[in-house]
Structures are given as C-alpha cells and as structure tokens.
Amino acid sequence: MAYTVHQAKTHFSRLLKEAEAGKEVIVMRGNKQVAKLVPIMDPAIETKLSRIGGFEGLIQFDDHVFDPLTDEQMIEYGFDNPEKDARLLAAMEPDILAAKNVK
C-alpha cells in the first residue's frame, strides 16, 4: 500500500503494524516512491525464535561421535598415512641435506 508523506506522519503507528504483519508499506513524495517500511524480522521466523535458548530442531548426535578414531579411519581421513609421509620426506630430503651442509 502506498501513502503520502503526510499520511505516513499522521498514521505512523498503523503503518508500523502493517509492516510487522508483512504488508508492503511504501511512502511517496508526490508520484515518487521514497521509502519502504519492512519488518526487521519475518513474523513466521520470530515465533520460532520466541524462546530464548531454545534448542529445538538441533541434530542429536550419538555418543560414539566423540570416540577416538581407529587407525583405518585416521588413514582414510588423511591424518596418518605412512605412504604419504614417506613421499613427503623423500621430497624434502634434498632441502634437509642442503641445510645440513650450510651449517
């Protein structure tokens, strides 16, 4: 709904209620649109967040999520891979030898 500046000043509280309800409120100066009132938060979302500290909807984890990883899982995730470590050391070996010769 579009309102003139005079109407907006006169009925500002009502326009705020309309914006909170999700209606589009446009303020016009003459034939030119100059402002749009919109709610800060969507009313549908606000009802979901009305409880402070509410944890509804969070994913529940099993206790095994915090168990230590097995050796196979460590290798699968790339944390402990002897082949990769050997390749890395072989690639770094010339640099290590060069550093030893410099000292």
PDB file of N, CA and C in Angstrom:
ATOM      1  N   MET A   1       0.843  -1.174   0.000  1.00  0.00           N
ATOM      2  CA  MET A   1       0.000   0.000   0.000  1.00  0.00           C
ATOM      3  C   MET A   1       0.890   1.239   0.000  1.00  0.00           C
ATOM      4  N   ALA A   2       0.527   2.237  -0.726  1.00  0.00           N
ATOM      5  CA  ALA A   2       1.315   3.460  -0.840  1.00  0.00           C
ATOM      6  C   ALA A   2       0.636   4.593  -0.083  1.00  0.00           C
ATOM      7  N   TYR A   3       1.453   5.378   0.609  1.00  0.00           N
ATOM      8  CA  TYR A   3       0.953   6.503   1.395  1.00  0.00           C
ATOM      9  C   TYR A   3       1.787   7.732   1.083  1.00  0.00           C
ATOM     10  N   THR A   4       1.155   8.899   1.201  1.00  0.00           N
ATOM     11  CA  THR A   4       1.904  10.145   1.055  1.00  0.00           C
ATOM     12  C   THR A   4       2.685  10.395   2.342  1.00  0.00           C
ATOM     13  N   VAL A   5       3.602  11.347   2.302  1.00  0.00           N
ATOM     14  CA  VAL A   5       4.385  11.672   3.481  1.00  0.00           C
ATOM     15  C   VAL A   5       3.464  12.149   4.605  1.00  0.00           C
ATOM     16  N   HIS A   6       2.489  12.966   4.272  1.00  0.00           N
ATOM     17  CA  HIS A   6       1.550  13.471   5.274  1.00  0.00           C
ATOM     18  C   HIS A   6       0.775  12.326   5.920  1.00  0.00           C
ATOM     19  N   GLN A   7       0.277  11.387   5.106  1.00  0.00           N
ATOM     20  CA  GLN A   7      -0.442  10.231   5.647  1.00  0.00           C
ATOM     21  C   GLN A   7       0.468   9.377   6.512  1.00  0.00           C
ATOM     22  N   ALA A   8       1.712   9.203   6.084  1.00  0.00           N
ATOM     23  CA  ALA A   8       2.656   8.389   6.844  1.00  0.00           C
ATOM     24  C   ALA A   8       2.941   9.013   8.204  1.00  0.00           C
ATOM     25  N   LYS A   9       3.097  10.343   8.254  1.00  0.00           N
ATOM     26  CA  LYS A   9       3.353  11.013   9.528  1.00  0.00           C
ATOM     27  C   LYS A   9       2.123  10.927  10.434  1.00  0.00           C
ATOM     28  N   THR A  10       0.958  11.066   9.855  1.00  0.00           N
ATOM     29  CA  THR A  10      -0.270  11.063  10.645  1.00  0.00           C
ATOM     30  C   THR A  10      -0.600   9.674  11.193  1.00  0.00           C
ATOM     31  N   HIS A  11      -0.362   8.631  10.402  1.00  0.00           N
ATOM     32  CA  HIS A  11      -0.757   7.262  10.769  1.00  0.00           C
ATOM     33  C   HIS A  11       0.452   6.339  10.918  1.00  0.00           C
ATOM     34  N   PHE A  12       1.549   6.861  11.454  1.00  0.00           N
ATOM     35  CA  PHE A  12       2.793   6.097  11.505  1.00  0.00           C
ATOM     36  C   PHE A  12       2.648   4.793  12.302  1.00  0.00           C
ATOM     37  N   SER A  13       1.974   4.829  13.440  1.00  0.00           N
ATOM     38  CA  SER A  13       1.799   3.615  14.251  1.00  0.00           C
ATOM     39  C   SER A  13       1.063   2.538  13.469  1.00  0.00           C
ATOM     40  N   ARG A  14       0.034   2.941  12.743  1.00  0.00           N
ATOM     41  CA  ARG A  14      -0.729   1.976  11.951  1.00  0.00           C
ATOM     42  C   ARG A  14       0.135   1.392  10.829  1.00  0.00           C
ATOM     43  N   LEU A  15       0.963   2.235  10.212  1.00  0.00           N
ATOM     44  CA  LEU A  15       1.839   1.747   9.145  1.00  0.00           C
ATOM     45  C   LEU A  15       2.870   0.760   9.687  1.00  0.00           C
ATOM     46  N   LEU A  16       3.360   1.013  10.892  1.00  0.00           N
ATOM     47  CA  LEU A  16       4.292   0.065  11.504  1.00  0.00           C
ATOM     48  C   LEU A  16       3.621  -1.287  11.736  1.00  0.00           C
ATOM     49  N   LYS A  17       2.381  -1.269  12.191  1.00  0.00           N
ATOM     50  CA  LYS A  17       1.655  -2.524  12.396  1.00  0.00           C
ATOM     51  C   LYS A  17       1.464  -3.260  11.076  1.00  0.00           C
ATOM     52  N   GLU A  18       1.177  -2.521  10.023  1.00  0.00           N
ATOM     53  CA  GLU A  18       1.022  -3.150   8.708  1.00  0.00           C
ATOM     54  C   GLU A  18       2.342  -3.790   8.260  1.00  0.00           C
ATOM     55  N   ALA A  19       3.444  -3.079   8.458  1.00  0.00           N
ATOM     56  CA  ALA A  19       4.747  -3.624   8.075  1.00  0.00           C
ATOM     57  C   ALA A  19       5.068  -4.868   8.896  1.00  0.00           C
ATOM     58  N   GLU A  20       4.759  -4.837  10.196  1.00  0.00           N
ATOM     59  CA  GLU A  20       5.011  -6.004  11.049  1.00  0.00           C
ATOM     60  C   GLU A  20       4.182  -7.203  10.599  1.00  0.00           C
ATOM     61  N   ALA A  21       3.003  -6.937  10.057  1.00  0.00           N
ATOM     62  CA  ALA A  21       2.133  -8.018   9.584  1.00  0.00           C
ATOM     63  C   ALA A  21       2.596  -8.573   8.247  1.00  0.00           C
ATOM     64  N   GLY A  22       3.632  -7.981   7.663  1.00  0.00           N
ATOM     65  CA  GLY A  22       4.175  -8.480   6.408  1.00  0.00           C
ATOM     66  C   GLY A  22       3.661  -7.753   5.179  1.00  0.00           C
ATOM     67  N   LYS A  23       2.864  -6.728   5.380  1.00  0.00           N
ATOM     68  CA  LYS A  23       2.366  -5.966   4.232  1.00  0.00           C
ATOM     69  C   LYS A  23       3.442  -4.987   3.758  1.00  0.00           C
ATOM     70  N   GLU A  24       3.429  -4.712   2.456  1.00  0.00           N
ATOM     71  CA  GLU A  24       4.377  -3.763   1.888  1.00  0.00           C
ATOM     72  C   GLU A  24       3.842  -2.350   2.076  1.00  0.00           C
ATOM     73  N   VAL A  25       4.628  -1.496   2.739  1.00  0.00           N
ATOM     74  CA  VAL A  25       4.213  -0.121   3.009  1.00  0.00           C
ATOM     75  C   VAL A  25       5.193   0.804   2.294  1.00  0.00           C
ATOM     76  N   ILE A  26       4.689   1.567   1.333  1.00  0.00           N
ATOM     77  CA  ILE A  26       5.505   2.491   0.542  1.00  0.00           C
ATOM     78  C   ILE A  26       5.129   3.917   0.914  1.00  0.00           C
ATOM     79  N   VAL A  27       6.145   4.776   1.126  1.00  0.00           N
ATOM     80  CA  VAL A  27       5.906   6.194   1.382  1.00  0.00           C
ATOM     81  C   VAL A  27       6.318   6.947   0.128  1.00  0.00           C
ATOM     82  N   MET A  28       5.418   7.826  -0.339  1.00  0.00           N
ATOM     83  CA  MET A  28       5.655   8.536  -1.592  1.00  0.00           C
ATOM     84  C   MET A  28       5.677  10.040  -1.367  1.00  0.00           C
ATOM     85  N   ARG A  29       6.529  10.694  -2.124  1.00  0.00           N
ATOM     86  CA  ARG A  29       6.543  12.160  -2.162  1.00  0.00           C
ATOM     87  C   ARG A  29       6.089  12.534  -3.563  1.00  0.00           C
ATOM     88  N   GLY A  30       4.837  12.958  -3.653  1.00  0.00           N
ATOM     89  CA  GLY A  30       4.253  13.203  -4.980  1.00  0.00           C
ATOM     90  C   GLY A  30       4.016  11.868  -5.659  1.00  0.00           C
ATOM     91  N   ASN A  31       4.578  11.705  -6.855  1.00  0.00           N
ATOM     92  CA  ASN A  31       4.461  10.439  -7.589  1.00  0.00           C
ATOM     93  C   ASN A  31       5.703   9.566  -7.441  1.00  0.00           C
ATOM     94  N   LYS A  32       6.646  10.011  -6.617  1.00  0.00           N
ATOM     95  CA  LYS A  32       7.922   9.300  -6.488  1.00  0.00           C
ATOM     96  C   LYS A  32       7.955   8.489  -5.189  1.00  0.00           C
ATOM     97  N   GLN A  33       8.287   7.206  -5.312  1.00  0.00           N
ATOM     98  CA  GLN A  33       8.455   6.364  -4.126  1.00  0.00           C
ATOM     99  C   GLN A  33       9.773   6.730  -3.448  1.00  0.00           C
ATOM    100  N   VAL A  34       9.728   7.022  -2.140  1.00  0.00           N
ATOM    101  CA  VAL A  34      10.947   7.443  -1.445  1.00  0.00           C
ATOM    102  C   VAL A  34      11.357   6.502  -0.320  1.00  0.00           C
ATOM    103  N   ALA A  35      10.429   5.711   0.202  1.00  0.00           N
ATOM    104  CA  ALA A  35      10.785   4.816   1.309  1.00  0.00           C
ATOM    105  C   ALA A  35       9.868   3.604   1.315  1.00  0.00           C
ATOM    106  N   LYS A  36      10.378   2.554   1.928  1.00  0.00           N
ATOM    107  CA  LYS A  36       9.609   1.325   2.067  1.00  0.00           C
ATOM    108  C   LYS A  36       9.774   0.843   3.501  1.00  0.00           C
ATOM    109  N   LEU A  37       8.676   0.602   4.190  1.00  0.00           N
ATOM    110  CA  LEU A  37       8.724   0.070   5.547  1.00  0.00           C
ATOM    111  C   LEU A  37       8.642  -1.448   5.467  1.00  0.00           C
ATOM    112  N   VAL A  38       9.604  -2.109   6.079  1.00  0.00           N
ATOM    113  CA  VAL A  38       9.623  -3.573   6.112  1.00  0.00           C
ATOM    114  C   VAL A  38       9.921  -4.006   7.540  1.00  0.00           C
ATOM    115  N   PRO A  39       9.415  -5.165   7.943  1.00  0.00           N
ATOM    116  CA  PRO A  39       9.720  -5.633   9.292  1.00  0.00           C
ATOM    117  C   PRO A  39      11.186  -6.061   9.381  1.00  0.00           C
ATOM    118  N   ILE A  40      11.757  -5.891  10.547  1.00  0.00           N
ATOM    119  CA  ILE A  40      13.153  -6.304  10.744  1.00  0.00           C
ATOM    120  C   ILE A  40      13.254  -7.814  10.684  1.00  0.00           C
ATOM    121  N   MET A  41      12.307  -8.515  11.285  1.00  0.00           N
ATOM    122  CA  MET A  41      12.323  -9.971  11.274  1.00  0.00           C
ATOM    123  C   MET A  41      10.977 -10.468  10.767  1.00  0.00           C
ATOM    124  N   ASP A  42      11.019 -11.507   9.946  1.00  0.00           N
ATOM    125  CA  ASP A  42       9.805 -12.115   9.424  1.00  0.00           C
ATOM    126  C   ASP A  42       8.966 -12.638  10.591  1.00  0.00           C
ATOM    127  N   PRO A  43       7.666 -12.335  10.657  1.00  0.00           N
ATOM    128  CA  PRO A  43       6.841 -12.799  11.774  1.00  0.00           C
ATOM    129  C   PRO A  43       6.829 -14.316  11.933  1.00  0.00           C
ATOM    130  N   ALA A  44       6.912 -15.061  10.836  1.00  0.00           N
ATOM    131  CA  ALA A  44       6.920 -16.521  10.932  1.00  0.00           C
ATOM    132  C   ALA A  44       8.181 -17.013  11.623  1.00  0.00           C
ATOM    133  N   ILE A  45       9.306 -16.371  11.339  1.00  0.00           N
ATOM    134  CA  ILE A  45      10.570 -16.759  11.961  1.00  0.00           C
ATOM    135  C   ILE A  45      10.583 -16.327  13.421  1.00  0.00           C
ATOM    136  N   GLU A  46      10.003 -15.187  13.714  1.00  0.00           N
ATOM    137  CA  GLU A  46      10.010 -14.653  15.077  1.00  0.00           C
ATOM    138  C   GLU A  46       9.309 -15.598  16.041  1.00  0.00           C
ATOM    139  N   THR A  47       8.236 -16.251  15.614  1.00  0.00           N
ATOM    140  CA  THR A  47       7.533 -17.163  16.512  1.00  0.00           C
ATOM    141  C   THR A  47       8.394 -18.382  16.818  1.00  0.00           C
ATOM    142  N   LYS A  48       9.212 -18.819  15.875  1.00  0.00           N
ATOM    143  CA  LYS A  48      10.098 -19.951  16.117  1.00  0.00           C
ATOM    144  C   LYS A  48      11.206 -19.586  17.092  1.00  0.00           C
ATOM    145  N   LEU A  49      11.638 -18.334  17.074  1.00  0.00           N
ATOM    146  CA  LEU A  49      12.744 -17.909  17.917  1.00  0.00           C
ATOM    147  C   LEU A  49      12.290 -17.228  19.201  1.00  0.00           C
ATOM    148  N   SER A  50      11.010 -17.363  19.533  1.00  0.00           N
ATOM    149  CA  SER A  50      10.492 -16.628  20.676  1.00  0.00           C
ATOM    150  C   SER A  50      11.058 -17.126  22.000  1.00  0.00           C
ATOM    151  N   ARG A  51      11.476 -18.385  22.069  1.00  0.00           N
ATOM    152  CA  ARG A  51      12.062 -18.910  23.299  1.00  0.00           C
ATOM    153  C   ARG A  51      13.550 -18.622  23.305  1.00  0.00           C
ATOM    154  N   ILE A  52      14.003 -17.964  24.334  1.00  0.00           N
ATOM    155  CA  ILE A  52      15.437 -17.692  24.459  1.00  0.00           C
ATOM    156  C   ILE A  52      16.131 -18.985  24.844  1.00  0.00           C
ATOM    157  N   GLY A  53      17.173 -19.312  24.115  1.00  0.00           N
ATOM    158  CA  GLY A  53      17.935 -20.522  24.423  1.00  0.00           C
ATOM    159  C   GLY A  53      17.260 -21.797  23.987  1.00  0.00           C
ATOM    160  N   GLY A  54      16.260 -21.712  23.141  1.00  0.00           N
ATOM    161  CA  GLY A  54      15.577 -22.915  22.683  1.00  0.00           C
ATOM    162  C   GLY A  54      16.468 -23.722  21.754  1.00  0.00           C
ATOM    163  N   PHE A  55      16.527 -25.033  21.972  1.00  0.00           N
ATOM    164  CA  PHE A  55      17.396 -25.878  21.168  1.00  0.00           C
ATOM    165  C   PHE A  55      16.604 -26.833  20.287  1.00  0.00           C
ATOM    166  N   GLU A  56      15.323 -26.540  20.063  1.00  0.00           N
ATOM    167  CA  GLU A  56      14.534 -27.439  19.244  1.00  0.00           C
ATOM    168  C   GLU A  56      15.048 -27.413  17.806  1.00  0.00           C
ATOM    169  N   GLY A  57      15.033 -28.563  17.198  1.00  0.00           N
ATOM    170  CA  GLY A  57      15.456 -28.654  15.808  1.00  0.00           C
ATOM    171  C   GLY A  57      16.924 -28.950  15.615  1.00  0.00           C
ATOM    172  N   LEU A  58      17.703 -28.981  16.686  1.00  0.00           N
ATOM    173  CA  LEU A  58      19.120 -29.299  16.544  1.00  0.00           C
ATOM    174  C   LEU A  58      19.308 -30.787  16.301  1.00  0.00           C
ATOM    175  N   ILE A  59      20.353 -31.129  15.592  1.00  0.00           N
ATOM    176  CA  ILE A  59      20.635 -32.532  15.297  1.00  0.00           C
ATOM    177  C   ILE A  59      21.185 -33.201  16.549  1.00  0.00           C
ATOM    178  N   GLN A  60      20.666 -34.360  16.870  1.00  0.00           N
ATOM    179  CA  GLN A  60      21.151 -35.113  18.018  1.00  0.00           C
ATOM    180  C   GLN A  60      22.256 -36.057  17.547  1.00  0.00           C
ATOM    181  N   PHE A  61      23.374 -36.057  18.261  1.00  0.00           N
ATOM    182  CA  PHE A  61      24.498 -36.921  17.921  1.00  0.00           C
ATOM    183  C   PHE A  61      24.550 -38.096  18.882  1.00  0.00           C
ATOM    184  N   ASP A  62      24.999 -39.235  18.363  1.00  0.00           N
ATOM    185  CA  ASP A  62      25.243 -40.377  19.232  1.00  0.00           C
ATOM    186  C   ASP A  62      26.536 -40.144  19.993  1.00  0.00           C
ATOM    187  N   ASP A  63      26.695 -40.844  21.108  1.00  0.00           N
ATOM    188  CA  ASP A  63      27.904 -40.684  21.912  1.00  0.00           C
ATOM    189  C   ASP A  63      29.153 -41.187  21.181  1.00  0.00           C
ATOM    190  N   HIS A  64      28.995 -42.101  20.222  1.00  0.00           N
ATOM    191  CA  HIS A  64      30.163 -42.647  19.521  1.00  0.00           C
ATOM    192  C   HIS A  64      30.847 -41.608  18.638  1.00  0.00           C
ATOM    193  N   VAL A  65      30.195 -40.460  18.408  1.00  0.00           N
ATOM    194  CA  VAL A  65      30.798 -39.405  17.598  1.00  0.00           C
ATOM    195  C   VAL A  65      32.094 -38.904  18.244  1.00  0.00           C
ATOM    196  N   PHE A  66      32.150 -38.954  19.566  1.00  0.00           N
ATOM    197  CA  PHE A  66      33.308 -38.436  20.278  1.00  0.00           C
ATOM    198  C   PHE A  66      34.341 -39.515  20.601  1.00  0.00           C
ATOM    199  N   ASP A  67      34.135 -40.742  20.120  1.00  0.00           N
ATOM    200  CA  ASP A  67      35.115 -41.809  20.325  1.00  0.00           C
ATOM    201  C   ASP A  67      36.365 -41.524  19.505  1.00  0.00           C
ATOM    202  N   PRO A  68      37.527 -41.985  19.974  1.00  0.00           N
ATOM    203  CA  PRO A  68      38.756 -41.801  19.184  1.00  0.00           C
ATOM    204  C   PRO A  68      38.652 -42.545  17.855  1.00  0.00           C
ATOM    205  N   LEU A  69      39.340 -42.028  16.842  1.00  0.00           N
ATOM    206  CA  LEU A  69      39.325 -42.667  15.528  1.00  0.00           C
ATOM    207  C   LEU A  69      40.225 -43.897  15.534  1.00  0.00           C
ATOM    208  N   THR A  70      39.830 -44.894  14.751  1.00  0.00           N
ATOM    209  CA  THR A  70      40.676 -46.075  14.598  1.00  0.00           C
ATOM    210  C   THR A  70      41.810 -45.746  13.628  1.00  0.00           C
ATOM    211  N   ASP A  71      42.807 -46.635  13.545  1.00  0.00           N
ATOM    212  CA  ASP A  71      43.918 -46.421  12.622  1.00  0.00           C
ATOM    213  C   ASP A  71      43.424 -46.336  11.175  1.00  0.00           C
ATOM    214  N   GLU A  72      42.469 -47.194  10.829  1.00  0.00           N
ATOM    215  CA  GLU A  72      41.922 -47.175   9.475  1.00  0.00           C
ATOM    216  C   GLU A  72      41.230 -45.846   9.185  1.00  0.00           C
ATOM    217  N   GLN A  73      40.488 -45.331  10.162  1.00  0.00           N
ATOM    218  CA  GLN A  73      39.808 -44.049   9.962  1.00  0.00           C
ATOM    219  C   GLN A  73      40.815 -42.907   9.844  1.00  0.00           C
ATOM    220  N   MET A  74      41.895 -42.959  10.633  1.00  0.00           N
ATOM    221  CA  MET A  74      42.923 -41.923  10.553  1.00  0.00           C
ATOM    222  C   MET A  74      43.530 -41.893   9.147  1.00  0.00           C
ATOM    223  N   ILE A  75      43.819 -43.069   8.593  1.00  0.00           N
ATOM    224  CA  ILE A  75      44.381 -43.134   7.242  1.00  0.00           C
ATOM    225  C   ILE A  75      43.350 -42.666   6.223  1.00  0.00           C
ATOM    226  N   GLU A  76      42.098 -43.086   6.411  1.00  0.00           N
ATOM    227  CA  GLU A  76      41.029 -42.694   5.486  1.00  0.00           C
ATOM    228  C   GLU A  76      40.845 -41.182   5.458  1.00  0.00           C
ATOM    229  N   TYR A  77      40.913 -40.532   6.600  1.00  0.00           N
ATOM    230  CA  TYR A  77      40.724 -39.093   6.678  1.00  0.00           C
ATOM    231  C   TYR A  77      42.004 -38.312   6.393  1.00  0.00           C
ATOM    232  N   GLY A  78      43.113 -39.017   6.176  1.00  0.00           N
ATOM    233  CA  GLY A  78      44.346 -38.346   5.787  1.00  0.00           C
ATOM    234  C   GLY A  78      45.199 -37.841   6.933  1.00  0.00           C
ATOM    235  N   PHE A  79      44.904 -38.254   8.170  1.00  0.00           N
ATOM    236  CA  PHE A  79      45.694 -37.794   9.304  1.00  0.00           C
ATOM    237  C   PHE A  79      46.961 -38.602   9.490  1.00  0.00           C
ATOM    238  N   ASP A  80      46.916 -39.888   9.160  1.00  0.00           N
ATOM    239  CA  ASP A  80      48.069 -40.752   9.368  1.00  0.00           C
ATOM    240  C   ASP A  80      48.196 -41.651   8.149  1.00  0.00           C
ATOM    241  N   ASN A  81      49.081 -41.264   7.241  1.00  0.00           N
ATOM    242  CA  ASN A  81      49.238 -42.015   6.011  1.00  0.00           C
ATOM    243  C   ASN A  81      50.729 -42.241   5.793  1.00  0.00           C
ATOM    244  N   PRO A  82      51.242 -43.422   6.155  1.00  0.00           N
ATOM    245  CA  PRO A  82      52.680 -43.689   6.053  1.00  0.00           C
ATOM    246  C   PRO A  82      53.225 -43.498   4.639  1.00  0.00           C
ATOM    247  N   GLU A  83      52.462 -43.881   3.621  1.00  0.00           N
ATOM    248  CA  GLU A  83      52.928 -43.713   2.244  1.00  0.00           C
ATOM    249  C   GLU A  83      53.093 -42.233   1.908  1.00  0.00           C
ATOM    250  N   LYS A  84      52.140 -41.460   2.288  1.00  0.00           N
ATOM    251  CA  LYS A  84      52.194 -40.027   2.026  1.00  0.00           C
ATOM    252  C   LYS A  84      53.344 -39.383   2.811  1.00  0.00           C
ATOM    253  N   ASP A  85      53.527 -39.817   4.061  1.00  0.00           N
ATOM    254  CA  ASP A  85      54.624 -39.281   4.869  1.00  0.00           C
ATOM    255  C   ASP A  85      55.979 -39.611   4.247  1.00  0.00           C
ATOM    256  N   ALA A  86      56.127 -40.832   3.712  1.00  0.00           N
ATOM    257  CA  ALA A  86      57.382 -41.233   3.087  1.00  0.00           C
ATOM    258  C   ALA A  86      57.659 -40.399   1.837  1.00  0.00           C
ATOM    259  N   ARG A  87      56.615 -40.147   1.036  1.00  0.00           N
ATOM    260  CA  ARG A  87      56.790 -39.312  -0.152  1.00  0.00           C
ATOM    261  C   ARG A  87      57.171 -37.887   0.223  1.00  0.00           C
ATOM    262  N   LEU A  88      56.577 -37.363   1.287  1.00  0.00           N
ATOM    263  CA  LEU A  88      56.888 -36.021   1.740  1.00  0.00           C
ATOM    264  C   LEU A  88      58.336 -35.930   2.206  1.00  0.00           C
ATOM    265  N   LEU A  89      58.785 -36.910   2.968  1.00  0.00           N
ATOM    266  CA  LEU A  89      60.176 -36.907   3.437  1.00  0.00           C
ATOM    267  C   LEU A  89      61.150 -37.031   2.270  1.00  0.00           C
ATOM    268  N   ALA A  90      60.811 -37.861   1.284  1.00  0.00           N
ATOM    269  CA  ALA A  90      61.681 -38.011   0.122  1.00  0.00           C
ATOM    270  C   ALA A  90      61.761 -36.699  -0.651  1.00  0.00           C
ATOM    271  N   ALA A  91      60.663 -35.980  -0.740  1.00  0.00           N
ATOM    272  CA  ALA A  91      60.668 -34.712  -1.455  1.00  0.00           C
ATOM    273  C   ALA A  91      61.441 -33.646  -0.693  1.00  0.00           C
ATOM    274  N   MET A  92      61.422 -33.729   0.623  1.00  0.00           N
ATOM    275  CA  MET A  92      62.108 -32.732   1.442  1.00  0.00           C
ATOM    276  C   MET A  92      63.580 -33.064   1.674  1.00  0.00           C
ATOM    277  N   GLU A  93      63.979 -34.280   1.381  1.00  0.00           N
ATOM    278  CA  GLU A  93      65.336 -34.724   1.678  1.00  0.00           C
ATOM    279  C   GLU A  93      66.420 -33.846   1.062  1.00  0.00           C
ATOM    280  N   PRO A  94      66.330 -33.434  -0.186  1.00  0.00           N
ATOM    281  CA  PRO A  94      67.373 -32.556  -0.733  1.00  0.00           C
ATOM    282  C   PRO A  94      67.497 -31.236   0.050  1.00  0.00           C
ATOM    283  N   ASP A  95      66.375 -30.694   0.479  1.00  0.00           N
ATOM    284  CA  ASP A  95      66.402 -29.460   1.251  1.00  0.00           C
ATOM    285  C   ASP A  95      67.041 -29.691   2.618  1.00  0.00           C
ATOM    286  N   ILE A  96      66.757 -30.843   3.201  1.00  0.00           N
ATOM    287  CA  ILE A  96      67.336 -31.158   4.538  1.00  0.00           C
ATOM    288  C   ILE A  96      68.835 -31.328   4.410  1.00  0.00           C
ATOM    289  N   LEU A  97      69.279 -32.046   3.377  1.00  0.00           N
ATOM    290  CA  LEU A  97      70.721 -32.235   3.190  1.00  0.00           C
ATOM    291  C   LEU A  97      71.424 -30.906   2.898  1.00  0.00           C
ATOM    292  N   ALA A  98      70.785 -30.077   2.111  1.00  0.00           N
ATOM    293  CA  ALA A  98      71.370 -28.773   1.803  1.00  0.00           C
ATOM    294  C   ALA A  98      71.486 -27.919   3.067  1.00  0.00           C
ATOM    295  N   ALA A  99      70.495 -27.996   3.930  1.00  0.00           N
ATOM    296  CA  ALA A  99      70.531 -27.224   5.171  1.00  0.00           C
ATOM    297  C   ALA A  99      71.636 -27.735   6.092  1.00  0.00           C
ATOM    298  N   LYS A 100      71.885 -29.028   6.092  1.00  0.00           N
ATOM    299  CA  LYS A 100      72.950 -29.590   6.933  1.00  0.00           C
ATOM    300  C   LYS A 100      74.313 -29.168   6.415  1.00  0.00           C
ATOM    301  N   ASN A 101      74.495 -29.087   5.092  1.00  0.00           N
ATOM    302  CA  ASN A 101      75.779 -28.692   4.505  1.00  0.00           C
ATOM    303  C   ASN A 101      76.082 -27.235   4.723  1.00  0.00           C
ATOM    304  N   VAL A 102      75.064 -26.405   4.853  1.00  0.00           N
ATOM    305  CA  VAL A 102      75.247 -24.977   5.053  1.00  0.00           C
ATOM    306  C   VAL A 102      75.818 -24.720   6.436  1.00  0.00           C
ATOM    307  N   LYS A 103      75.416 -25.486   7.438  1.00  0.00           N
ATOM    308  CA  LYS A 103      75.857 -25.256   8.813  1.00  0.00           C
ATOM    309  C   LYS A 103      77.258 -25.634   8.934  1.00  0.00           C
TER     310      LYS A 103
END
